[in-house]
Every structure is written in C-alpha cells, then in structure tokens.
Amino acid sequence: MTARWRAYLTMALLLPLSGCVTTEVVAPYQRGYLAEQGMQWEPNPRNEKLKGHVYNSKEASSGGSGATGGGCGCN
C-alpha cells in the first residue's frame, strides 16, 4: 500500500469523527426563561385539560390522561 492510499484511508476513517457535536446543557439560570408561559406547548393548560375532559366524557374512552366516566360527563 502506498503512502498516498494510507493517507486517504486515514482521512476516510477520521472524517466521521469531525462531525461530532457535544450536547448543550441548559444552565440553571436559563431554566426560568424556558419555563415561561409563552414557551409551553399549550399556552393555557386549564383549557386543554377541560377539552380533554369533555372529549373523554363524550367518547367514553381514556386518552392516557386519567380515568374517565361512562359518557355522561358526571365523573
């Protein structure tokens, strides 16, 4: 094997290692900003809970969010 091919092989084996990215860690002082109301998946969790309750009561099924009633909405 010539020196040129060895160099190509070495570069080919080391090239994937150059794309590694370290994971960024959220600093404690940044967590308060990330927990703000505007950053939440659901801006109003109370309305989403009510929607889920009404849906589960009407469908008589549970969507993994808790126990439900038999369709009458009296749970």
PDB file of N, CA and C in Angstrom:
ATOM      1  N   MET A   1       0.848  -1.161   0.000  1.00  0.00           N
ATOM      2  CA  MET A   1       0.000   0.000   0.000  1.00  0.00           C
ATOM      3  C   MET A   1       0.903   1.237   0.000  1.00  0.00           C
ATOM      4  N   THR A   2       0.586   2.147  -0.825  1.00  0.00           N
ATOM      5  CA  THR A   2       1.422   3.335  -0.909  1.00  0.00           C
ATOM      6  C   THR A   2       1.050   4.336   0.181  1.00  0.00           C
ATOM      7  N   ALA A   3       1.920   5.300   0.369  1.00  0.00           N
ATOM      8  CA  ALA A   3       1.699   6.320   1.397  1.00  0.00           C
ATOM      9  C   ALA A   3       0.457   7.153   1.078  1.00  0.00           C
ATOM     10  N   ARG A   4       0.201   7.358  -0.200  1.00  0.00           N
ATOM     11  CA  ARG A   4      -0.972   8.154  -0.599  1.00  0.00           C
ATOM     12  C   ARG A   4      -2.263   7.430  -0.189  1.00  0.00           C
ATOM     13  N   TRP A   5      -2.322   6.124  -0.414  1.00  0.00           N
ATOM     14  CA  TRP A   5      -3.517   5.366  -0.063  1.00  0.00           C
ATOM     15  C   TRP A   5      -3.700   5.284   1.457  1.00  0.00           C
ATOM     16  N   ARG A   6      -2.588   5.208   2.158  1.00  0.00           N
ATOM     17  CA  ARG A   6      -2.677   5.208   3.618  1.00  0.00           C
ATOM     18  C   ARG A   6      -3.240   6.538   4.125  1.00  0.00           C
ATOM     19  N   ALA A   7      -2.803   7.623   3.511  1.00  0.00           N
ATOM     20  CA  ALA A   7      -3.310   8.942   3.896  1.00  0.00           C
ATOM     21  C   ALA A   7      -4.806   9.043   3.593  1.00  0.00           C
ATOM     22  N   TYR A   8      -5.230   8.544   2.428  1.00  0.00           N
ATOM     23  CA  TYR A   8      -6.652   8.561   2.073  1.00  0.00           C
ATOM     24  C   TYR A   8      -7.468   7.711   3.055  1.00  0.00           C
ATOM     25  N   LEU A   9      -6.959   6.558   3.391  1.00  0.00           N
ATOM     26  CA  LEU A   9      -7.657   5.682   4.315  1.00  0.00           C
ATOM     27  C   LEU A   9      -7.752   6.313   5.702  1.00  0.00           C
ATOM     28  N   THR A  10      -6.673   6.936   6.131  1.00  0.00           N
ATOM     29  CA  THR A  10      -6.683   7.604   7.435  1.00  0.00           C
ATOM     30  C   THR A  10      -7.693   8.743   7.453  1.00  0.00           C
ATOM     31  N   MET A  11      -7.720   9.553   6.406  1.00  0.00           N
ATOM     32  CA  MET A  11      -8.685  10.652   6.337  1.00  0.00           C
ATOM     33  C   MET A  11     -10.110  10.124   6.269  1.00  0.00           C
ATOM     34  N   ALA A  12     -10.324   9.042   5.536  1.00  0.00           N
ATOM     35  CA  ALA A  12     -11.668   8.477   5.422  1.00  0.00           C
ATOM     36  C   ALA A  12     -12.149   7.942   6.766  1.00  0.00           C
ATOM     37  N   LEU A  13     -11.240   7.394   7.565  1.00  0.00           N
ATOM     38  CA  LEU A  13     -11.628   6.873   8.872  1.00  0.00           C
ATOM     39  C   LEU A  13     -11.817   7.977   9.912  1.00  0.00           C
ATOM     40  N   LEU A  14     -11.066   9.073   9.793  1.00  0.00           N
ATOM     41  CA  LEU A  14     -11.159  10.161  10.757  1.00  0.00           C
ATOM     42  C   LEU A  14     -12.220  11.200  10.402  1.00  0.00           C
ATOM     43  N   LEU A  15     -12.645  11.239   9.161  1.00  0.00           N
ATOM     44  CA  LEU A  15     -13.621  12.243   8.726  1.00  0.00           C
ATOM     45  C   LEU A  15     -14.944  12.168   9.489  1.00  0.00           C
ATOM     46  N   PRO A  16     -15.521  10.989   9.742  1.00  0.00           N
ATOM     47  CA  PRO A  16     -16.783  10.970  10.501  1.00  0.00           C
ATOM     48  C   PRO A  16     -16.646  11.510  11.925  1.00  0.00           C
ATOM     49  N   LEU A  17     -15.474  11.447  12.501  1.00  0.00           N
ATOM     50  CA  LEU A  17     -15.293  11.948  13.865  1.00  0.00           C
ATOM     51  C   LEU A  17     -15.345  13.465  13.948  1.00  0.00           C
ATOM     52  N   SER A  18     -15.125  14.140  12.842  1.00  0.00           N
ATOM     53  CA  SER A  18     -15.132  15.599  12.863  1.00  0.00           C
ATOM     54  C   SER A  18     -16.540  16.172  12.946  1.00  0.00           C
ATOM     55  N   GLY A  19     -17.561  15.366  12.694  1.00  0.00           N
ATOM     56  CA  GLY A  19     -18.931  15.854  12.722  1.00  0.00           C
ATOM     57  C   GLY A  19     -19.602  15.716  14.070  1.00  0.00           C
ATOM     58  N   CYS A  20     -18.893  15.236  15.066  1.00  0.00           N
ATOM     59  CA  CYS A  20     -19.497  15.046  16.389  1.00  0.00           C
ATOM     60  C   CYS A  20     -19.759  16.397  17.047  1.00  0.00           C
ATOM     61  N   VAL A  21     -20.931  16.520  17.613  1.00  0.00           N
ATOM     62  CA  VAL A  21     -21.320  17.748  18.296  1.00  0.00           C
ATOM     63  C   VAL A  21     -21.613  17.388  19.744  1.00  0.00           C
ATOM     64  N   THR A  22     -21.108  18.194  20.639  1.00  0.00           N
ATOM     65  CA  THR A  22     -21.396  17.945  22.047  1.00  0.00           C
ATOM     66  C   THR A  22     -22.793  18.460  22.374  1.00  0.00           C
ATOM     67  N   THR A  23     -23.439  17.840  23.309  1.00  0.00           N
ATOM     68  CA  THR A  23     -24.781  18.233  23.713  1.00  0.00           C
ATOM     69  C   THR A  23     -24.692  19.459  24.617  1.00  0.00           C
ATOM     70  N   GLU A  24     -25.518  20.439  24.312  1.00  0.00           N
ATOM     71  CA  GLU A  24     -25.562  21.640  25.134  1.00  0.00           C
ATOM     72  C   GLU A  24     -26.419  21.375  26.362  1.00  0.00           C
ATOM     73  N   VAL A  25     -25.965  21.818  27.476  1.00  0.00           N
ATOM     74  CA  VAL A  25     -26.688  21.649  28.729  1.00  0.00           C
ATOM     75  C   VAL A  25     -27.317  22.977  29.101  1.00  0.00           C
ATOM     76  N   VAL A  26     -28.566  22.925  29.516  1.00  0.00           N
ATOM     77  CA  VAL A  26     -29.258  24.143  29.927  1.00  0.00           C
ATOM     78  C   VAL A  26     -28.757  24.537  31.311  1.00  0.00           C
ATOM     79  N   ALA A  27     -28.263  25.730  31.393  1.00  0.00           N
ATOM     80  CA  ALA A  27     -27.753  26.238  32.668  1.00  0.00           C
ATOM     81  C   ALA A  27     -28.914  26.526  33.613  1.00  0.00           C
ATOM     82  N   PRO A  28     -28.697  26.437  34.917  1.00  0.00           N
ATOM     83  CA  PRO A  28     -29.782  26.690  35.873  1.00  0.00           C
ATOM     84  C   PRO A  28     -30.418  28.068  35.723  1.00  0.00           C
ATOM     85  N   TYR A  29     -29.639  29.076  35.373  1.00  0.00           N
ATOM     86  CA  TYR A  29     -30.218  30.410  35.241  1.00  0.00           C
ATOM     87  C   TYR A  29     -31.031  30.560  33.961  1.00  0.00           C
ATOM     88  N   GLN A  30     -30.926  29.620  33.011  1.00  0.00           N
ATOM     89  CA  GLN A  30     -31.714  29.672  31.785  1.00  0.00           C
ATOM     90  C   GLN A  30     -33.037  28.918  31.917  1.00  0.00           C
ATOM     91  N   ARG A  31     -33.170  28.092  32.913  1.00  0.00           N
ATOM     92  CA  ARG A  31     -34.378  27.274  33.054  1.00  0.00           C
ATOM     93  C   ARG A  31     -35.601  28.113  33.354  1.00  0.00           C
ATOM     94  N   GLY A  32     -35.429  29.201  34.068  1.00  0.00           N
ATOM     95  CA  GLY A  32     -36.559  30.089  34.334  1.00  0.00           C
ATOM     96  C   GLY A  32     -37.103  30.700  33.064  1.00  0.00           C
ATOM     97  N   TYR A  33     -36.235  31.054  32.132  1.00  0.00           N
ATOM     98  CA  TYR A  33     -36.677  31.613  30.852  1.00  0.00           C
ATOM     99  C   TYR A  33     -37.408  30.562  30.033  1.00  0.00           C
ATOM    100  N   LEU A  34     -36.889  29.339  30.037  1.00  0.00           N
ATOM    101  CA  LEU A  34     -37.517  28.283  29.250  1.00  0.00           C
ATOM    102  C   LEU A  34     -38.850  27.847  29.834  1.00  0.00           C
ATOM    103  N   ALA A  35     -39.088  28.115  31.109  1.00  0.00           N
ATOM    104  CA  ALA A  35     -40.335  27.722  31.743  1.00  0.00           C
ATOM    105  C   ALA A  35     -41.404  28.806  31.655  1.00  0.00           C
ATOM    106  N   GLU A  36     -41.152  29.876  30.913  1.00  0.00           N
ATOM    107  CA  GLU A  36     -42.137  30.946  30.794  1.00  0.00           C
ATOM    108  C   GLU A  36     -43.386  30.454  30.069  1.00  0.00           C
ATOM    109  N   GLN A  37     -44.479  31.151  30.286  1.00  0.00           N
ATOM    110  CA  GLN A  37     -45.764  30.760  29.727  1.00  0.00           C
ATOM    111  C   GLN A  37     -45.731  30.671  28.201  1.00  0.00           C
ATOM    112  N   GLY A  38     -45.045  31.575  27.543  1.00  0.00           N
ATOM    113  CA  GLY A  38     -45.001  31.574  26.088  1.00  0.00           C
ATOM    114  C   GLY A  38     -44.204  30.433  25.491  1.00  0.00           C
ATOM    115  N   MET A  39     -43.398  29.768  26.291  1.00  0.00           N
ATOM    116  CA  MET A  39     -42.572  28.677  25.793  1.00  0.00           C
ATOM    117  C   MET A  39     -43.240  27.313  25.977  1.00  0.00           C
ATOM    118  N   GLN A  40     -44.419  27.255  26.565  1.00  0.00           N
ATOM    119  CA  GLN A  40     -45.097  25.993  26.823  1.00  0.00           C
ATOM    120  C   GLN A  40     -45.751  25.472  25.554  1.00  0.00           C
ATOM    121  N   TRP A  41     -45.920  24.145  25.496  1.00  0.00           N
ATOM    122  CA  TRP A  41     -46.596  23.548  24.330  1.00  0.00           C
ATOM    123  C   TRP A  41     -48.030  24.030  24.253  1.00  0.00           C
ATOM    124  N   GLU A  42     -48.695  24.049  25.366  1.00  0.00           N
ATOM    125  CA  GLU A  42     -50.076  24.511  25.437  1.00  0.00           C
ATOM    126  C   GLU A  42     -50.091  25.804  26.235  1.00  0.00           C
ATOM    127  N   PRO A  43     -50.449  26.918  25.609  1.00  0.00           N
ATOM    128  CA  PRO A  43     -50.402  28.196  26.307  1.00  0.00           C
ATOM    129  C   PRO A  43     -51.333  28.258  27.519  1.00  0.00           C
ATOM    130  N   ASN A  44     -52.464  27.574  27.460  1.00  0.00           N
ATOM    131  CA  ASN A  44     -53.407  27.611  28.571  1.00  0.00           C
ATOM    132  C   ASN A  44     -53.726  26.174  28.988  1.00  0.00           C
ATOM    133  N   PRO A  45     -52.998  25.624  29.946  1.00  0.00           N
ATOM    134  CA  PRO A  45     -53.209  24.226  30.320  1.00  0.00           C
ATOM    135  C   PRO A  45     -54.598  23.950  30.892  1.00  0.00           C
ATOM    136  N   ARG A  46     -55.219  24.952  31.495  1.00  0.00           N
ATOM    137  CA  ARG A  46     -56.565  24.737  32.046  1.00  0.00           C
ATOM    138  C   ARG A  46     -57.567  24.452  30.923  1.00  0.00           C
ATOM    139  N   ASN A  47     -57.492  25.208  29.832  1.00  0.00           N
ATOM    140  CA  ASN A  47     -58.398  24.965  28.706  1.00  0.00           C
ATOM    141  C   ASN A  47     -58.128  23.607  28.064  1.00  0.00           C
ATOM    142  N   GLU A  48     -56.875  23.228  27.963  1.00  0.00           N
ATOM    143  CA  GLU A  48     -56.543  21.932  27.373  1.00  0.00           C
ATOM    144  C   GLU A  48     -57.040  20.790  28.247  1.00  0.00           C
ATOM    145  N   LYS A  49     -56.963  20.951  29.561  1.00  0.00           N
ATOM    146  CA  LYS A  49     -57.469  19.921  30.466  1.00  0.00           C
ATOM    147  C   LYS A  49     -58.987  19.811  30.327  1.00  0.00           C
ATOM    148  N   LEU A  50     -59.673  20.946  30.207  1.00  0.00           N
ATOM    149  CA  LEU A  50     -61.119  20.934  30.032  1.00  0.00           C
ATOM    150  C   LEU A  50     -61.494  20.273  28.709  1.00  0.00           C
ATOM    151  N   LYS A  51     -60.782  20.603  27.645  1.00  0.00           N
ATOM    152  CA  LYS A  51     -61.055  19.980  26.343  1.00  0.00           C
ATOM    153  C   LYS A  51     -60.874  18.467  26.418  1.00  0.00           C
ATOM    154  N   GLY A  52     -59.801  18.030  27.080  1.00  0.00           N
ATOM    155  CA  GLY A  52     -59.555  16.603  27.223  1.00  0.00           C
ATOM    156  C   GLY A  52     -60.644  15.925  28.044  1.00  0.00           C
ATOM    157  N   HIS A  53     -61.115  16.604  29.097  1.00  0.00           N
ATOM    158  CA  HIS A  53     -62.181  16.043  29.929  1.00  0.00           C
ATOM    159  C   HIS A  53     -63.462  15.894  29.118  1.00  0.00           C
ATOM    160  N   VAL A  54     -63.826  16.912  28.368  1.00  0.00           N
ATOM    161  CA  VAL A  54     -65.047  16.854  27.565  1.00  0.00           C
ATOM    162  C   VAL A  54     -64.921  15.778  26.496  1.00  0.00           C
ATOM    163  N   TYR A  55     -63.774  15.705  25.835  1.00  0.00           N
ATOM    164  CA  TYR A  55     -63.578  14.694  24.791  1.00  0.00           C
ATOM    165  C   TYR A  55     -63.685  13.287  25.373  1.00  0.00           C
ATOM    166  N   ASN A  56     -63.002  13.041  26.482  1.00  0.00           N
ATOM    167  CA  ASN A  56     -63.035  11.705  27.072  1.00  0.00           C
ATOM    168  C   ASN A  56     -64.423  11.356  27.596  1.00  0.00           C
ATOM    169  N   SER A  57     -65.152  12.338  28.100  1.00  0.00           N
ATOM    170  CA  SER A  57     -66.504  12.067  28.592  1.00  0.00           C
ATOM    171  C   SER A  57     -67.443  11.724  27.446  1.00  0.00           C
ATOM    172  N   LYS A  58     -67.314  12.424  26.333  1.00  0.00           N
ATOM    173  CA  LYS A  58     -68.187  12.154  25.194  1.00  0.00           C
ATOM    174  C   LYS A  58     -67.817  10.867  24.468  1.00  0.00           C
ATOM    175  N   GLU A  59     -66.536  10.549  24.406  1.00  0.00           N
ATOM    176  CA  GLU A  59     -66.093   9.360  23.702  1.00  0.00           C
ATOM    177  C   GLU A  59     -66.132   8.109  24.580  1.00  0.00           C
ATOM    178  N   ALA A  60     -66.271   8.283  25.878  1.00  0.00           N
ATOM    179  CA  ALA A  60     -66.269   7.173  26.836  1.00  0.00           C
ATOM    180  C   ALA A  60     -64.980   6.378  26.721  1.00  0.00           C
ATOM    181  N   SER A  61     -63.893   7.089  26.539  1.00  0.00           N
ATOM    182  CA  SER A  61     -62.588   6.438  26.447  1.00  0.00           C
ATOM    183  C   SER A  61     -61.570   7.302  27.163  1.00  0.00           C
ATOM    184  N   SER A  62     -60.445   6.687  27.459  1.00  0.00           N
ATOM    185  CA  SER A  62     -59.389   7.453  28.107  1.00  0.00           C
ATOM    186  C   SER A  62     -58.209   7.596  27.159  1.00  0.00           C
ATOM    187  N   GLY A  63     -57.631   8.773  27.144  1.00  0.00           N
ATOM    188  CA  GLY A  63     -56.504   9.042  26.263  1.00  0.00           C
ATOM    189  C   GLY A  63     -55.185   9.031  26.997  1.00  0.00           C
ATOM    190  N   GLY A  64     -55.101   8.354  28.111  1.00  0.00           N
ATOM    191  CA  GLY A  64     -53.861   8.295  28.857  1.00  0.00           C
ATOM    192  C   GLY A  64     -53.700   9.434  29.834  1.00  0.00           C
ATOM    193  N   SER A  65     -54.732  10.251  29.979  1.00  0.00           N
ATOM    194  CA  SER A  65     -54.608  11.392  30.886  1.00  0.00           C
ATOM    195  C   SER A  65     -55.342  11.173  32.198  1.00  0.00           C
ATOM    196  N   GLY A  66     -55.881  10.001  32.428  1.00  0.00           N
ATOM    197  CA  GLY A  66     -56.557   9.729  33.692  1.00  0.00           C
ATOM    198  C   GLY A  66     -57.814   8.918  33.488  1.00  0.00           C
ATOM    199  N   ALA A  67     -58.533   8.718  34.555  1.00  0.00           N
ATOM    200  CA  ALA A  67     -59.769   7.925  34.498  1.00  0.00           C
ATOM    201  C   ALA A  67     -60.904   8.759  33.916  1.00  0.00           C
ATOM    202  N   THR A  68     -61.827   8.096  33.261  1.00  0.00           N
ATOM    203  CA  THR A  68     -62.970   8.797  32.669  1.00  0.00           C
ATOM    204  C   THR A  68     -64.251   8.103  33.077  1.00  0.00           C
ATOM    205  N   GLY A  69     -65.335   8.744  32.797  1.00  0.00           N
ATOM    206  CA  GLY A  69     -66.650   8.198  33.139  1.00  0.00           C
ATOM    207  C   GLY A  69     -67.238   7.392  32.000  1.00  0.00           C
ATOM    208  N   GLY A  70     -68.525   7.173  32.075  1.00  0.00           N
ATOM    209  CA  GLY A  70     -69.194   6.329  31.095  1.00  0.00           C
ATOM    210  C   GLY A  70     -69.862   7.102  29.985  1.00  0.00           C
ATOM    211  N   GLY A  71     -69.513   8.356  29.760  1.00  0.00           N
ATOM    212  CA  GLY A  71     -70.102   9.116  28.671  1.00  0.00           C
ATOM    213  C   GLY A  71     -71.106  10.144  29.138  1.00  0.00           C
ATOM    214  N   CYS A  72     -71.495  10.113  30.411  1.00  0.00           N
ATOM    215  CA  CYS A  72     -72.482  11.060  30.890  1.00  0.00           C
ATOM    216  C   CYS A  72     -71.842  12.383  31.347  1.00  0.00           C
ATOM    217  N   GLY A  73     -70.524  12.395  31.524  1.00  0.00           N
ATOM    218  CA  GLY A  73     -69.838  13.601  31.940  1.00  0.00           C
ATOM    219  C   GLY A  73     -69.940  13.872  33.432  1.00  0.00           C
ATOM    220  N   CYS A  74     -70.335  12.894  34.208  1.00  0.00           N
ATOM    221  CA  CYS A  74     -70.527  13.098  35.641  1.00  0.00           C
ATOM    222  C   CYS A  74     -69.364  12.593  36.487  1.00  0.00           C
ATOM    223  N   ASN A  75     -68.189  12.458  35.912  1.00  0.00           N
ATOM    224  CA  ASN A  75     -67.072  11.937  36.706  1.00  0.00           C
ATOM    225  C   ASN A  75     -66.361  13.048  37.372  1.00  0.00           C
TER     226      ASN A  75
END
